[in-house]
């Protein structure tokens, strides 16, 4: 049964990585188009740093997803610790990337017209499915 749950966690994690990619790319595009004080938002260093942080979180999740998938294919039993680490990172990073995208977009980030809010809500749901990030952190430390 645990192998089926692990496969479901891998599938949800792949969905979350895709959502984080969309949030990151949409945020970069938005900051290049939106102007404030006669400059694109992407010119402001604090927003550049925020987008780099978003990119790093997304890339870490993507890399750990690939590792967990390869380990699960090779040996489903011994990959349990990596799956716990993945689910923890997906939950933590997904919320960070989603919150950063919403904050950068301002009030528009939570409207129905933009997909930012939809992806952020989905990341929140993914975090709670099959145990949230805190649950998997505890499991990771105990295995």
Protein backbone atom coordinates (compact mmCIF):
# COMPACT_ATOMS: atom_id res chain seq x y z
CA UNK A 1 0.00 0.00 0.00
CA UNK A 2 2.86 2.39 0.80
CA UNK A 3 4.22 1.98 -2.72
CA UNK A 4 0.90 3.22 -4.14
CA UNK A 5 0.95 6.21 -1.79
CA UNK A 6 4.53 6.97 -2.83
CA UNK A 7 3.52 6.86 -6.50
CA UNK A 8 0.66 9.25 -5.75
CA UNK A 9 3.06 11.58 -3.92
CA UNK A 10 5.38 11.53 -6.93
CA UNK A 11 2.48 12.38 -9.25
CA UNK A 12 1.31 15.23 -7.01
CA UNK A 13 4.87 16.48 -6.72
CA UNK A 14 5.22 16.55 -10.50
CA UNK A 15 2.02 18.59 -10.69
CA UNK A 16 3.35 20.95 -8.02
CA UNK A 17 6.66 21.41 -9.85
CA UNK A 18 4.72 22.30 -12.99
CA UNK A 19 2.62 24.80 -11.05
CA UNK A 20 5.74 26.38 -9.54
CA UNK A 21 7.25 26.70 -13.01
CA UNK A 22 4.16 28.50 -14.30
CA UNK A 23 4.07 30.80 -11.26
CA UNK A 24 7.74 31.66 -11.66
CA UNK A 25 7.55 32.31 -15.41
CA UNK A 26 4.33 34.34 -15.14
CA UNK A 27 5.85 36.44 -12.37
CA UNK A 28 9.00 37.16 -14.38
CA UNK A 29 6.89 38.12 -17.40
CA UNK A 30 4.65 40.35 -15.27
CA UNK A 31 7.58 42.20 -13.70
CA UNK A 32 9.05 42.85 -17.14
CA UNK A 33 5.79 44.36 -18.41
CA UNK A 34 4.50 46.25 -15.36
CA UNK A 35 6.04 49.68 -14.78
CA UNK A 36 6.37 51.64 -11.56
CA UNK A 37 8.22 54.95 -11.19
CA UNK A 38 8.93 54.91 -14.95
CA UNK A 39 10.83 51.59 -14.74
CA UNK A 40 9.78 47.98 -15.21
CA UNK A 41 9.34 46.16 -11.90
CA UNK A 42 12.09 43.78 -13.02
CA UNK A 43 14.61 46.63 -12.66
CA UNK A 44 14.17 46.70 -8.88
CA UNK A 45 16.83 44.65 -7.12
CA UNK A 46 14.60 43.40 -4.32
CA UNK A 47 12.22 41.86 -6.88
CA UNK A 48 15.13 40.37 -8.81
CA UNK A 49 16.27 38.66 -5.61
CA UNK A 50 12.75 37.42 -4.91
CA UNK A 51 12.49 35.90 -8.38
CA UNK A 52 15.89 34.23 -7.99
CA UNK A 53 14.67 32.73 -4.70
CA UNK A 54 11.52 31.49 -6.46
CA UNK A 55 13.62 29.94 -9.22
CA UNK A 56 15.96 28.22 -6.76
CA UNK A 57 13.05 26.70 -4.81
CA UNK A 58 11.47 25.47 -8.05
CA UNK A 59 14.75 23.95 -9.28
CA UNK A 60 15.40 22.20 -5.95
CA UNK A 61 11.95 20.62 -6.10
CA UNK A 62 12.45 19.59 -9.70
CA UNK A 63 15.82 17.97 -8.93
CA UNK A 64 14.56 16.13 -5.86
CA UNK A 65 11.51 14.95 -7.83
CA UNK A 66 13.79 13.42 -10.46
CA UNK A 67 15.92 11.75 -7.79
CA UNK A 68 12.91 10.39 -5.90
CA UNK A 69 11.39 9.07 -9.12
CA UNK A 70 14.60 7.29 -10.13
CA UNK A 71 15.04 5.79 -6.65
CA UNK A 72 11.41 4.65 -6.55
CA UNK A 73 11.75 2.92 -9.91
CA UNK A 74 14.97 1.17 -8.83
CA UNK A 75 13.94 0.20 -5.29
CA UNK A 76 10.54 1.32 -3.97
CA UNK A 77 11.24 0.23 -0.39
CA UNK A 78 14.53 2.05 0.15
CA UNK A 79 13.28 5.24 -1.53
CA UNK A 80 10.89 6.04 1.33
CA UNK A 81 13.17 8.59 2.99
CA UNK A 82 13.67 10.48 -0.29
CA UNK A 83 9.90 10.55 -0.88
CA UNK A 84 9.41 12.07 2.59
CA UNK A 85 12.07 14.68 1.82
CA UNK A 86 10.41 15.46 -1.51
CA UNK A 87 6.94 15.91 -0.01
CA UNK A 88 8.34 18.20 2.68
CA UNK A 89 10.22 20.32 0.15
CA UNK A 90 7.25 20.47 -2.24
CA UNK A 91 4.99 21.74 0.53
CA UNK A 92 7.43 24.32 1.85
CA UNK A 93 8.62 25.55 -1.53
CA UNK A 94 5.19 25.51 -3.13
CA UNK A 95 3.82 27.85 -0.50
CA UNK A 96 6.84 30.15 -0.81
CA UNK A 97 6.65 30.33 -4.61
CA UNK A 98 2.87 30.82 -4.54
CA UNK A 99 2.99 33.53 -1.89
CA UNK A 100 5.81 35.32 -3.71
CA UNK A 101 3.89 35.26 -6.99
CA UNK A 102 0.72 36.58 -5.36
CA UNK A 103 2.61 39.32 -3.51
CA UNK A 104 4.45 40.41 -6.64
CA UNK A 105 1.21 40.59 -8.61
CA UNK A 106 -0.48 42.52 -5.82
CA UNK A 107 -4.26 42.33 -5.60
CA UNK A 108 -4.46 40.91 -9.13
CA UNK A 109 -2.73 37.76 -7.89
CA UNK A 110 -5.87 36.55 -6.13
CA UNK A 111 -8.45 37.46 -8.77
CA UNK A 112 -10.22 34.90 -10.93
CA UNK A 113 -8.86 36.55 -14.10
CA UNK A 114 -5.26 35.46 -13.49
CA UNK A 115 -4.14 31.88 -13.10
CA UNK A 116 -1.73 32.85 -10.32
CA UNK A 117 -4.38 32.46 -7.62
CA UNK A 118 -5.59 29.15 -9.03
CA UNK A 119 -2.10 27.63 -9.03
CA UNK A 120 -1.41 28.93 -5.53
CA UNK A 121 -4.63 27.37 -4.21
CA UNK A 122 -3.71 24.10 -5.90
CA UNK A 123 -0.27 24.15 -4.25
CA UNK A 124 -1.94 24.63 -0.86
CA UNK A 125 -4.14 21.59 -1.50
CA UNK A 126 -1.19 19.50 -2.70
CA UNK A 127 0.67 20.32 0.52
CA UNK A 128 -2.16 18.89 2.61
CA UNK A 129 -2.69 15.69 0.60
CA UNK A 130 -1.03 12.52 1.92
CA UNK A 131 0.32 14.47 4.90
CA UNK A 132 1.57 18.04 4.94
CA UNK A 133 5.20 19.14 4.90
CA UNK A 134 5.49 19.01 8.71
CA UNK A 135 4.20 15.42 8.77
CA UNK A 136 6.75 14.34 6.18
CA UNK A 137 9.57 16.22 7.92
CA UNK A 138 8.82 14.22 11.06
CA UNK A 139 8.71 10.97 9.06
CA UNK A 140 11.99 11.92 7.36
CA UNK A 141 13.75 12.48 10.67
CA UNK A 142 12.44 9.21 12.12
CA UNK A 143 13.47 6.93 9.22
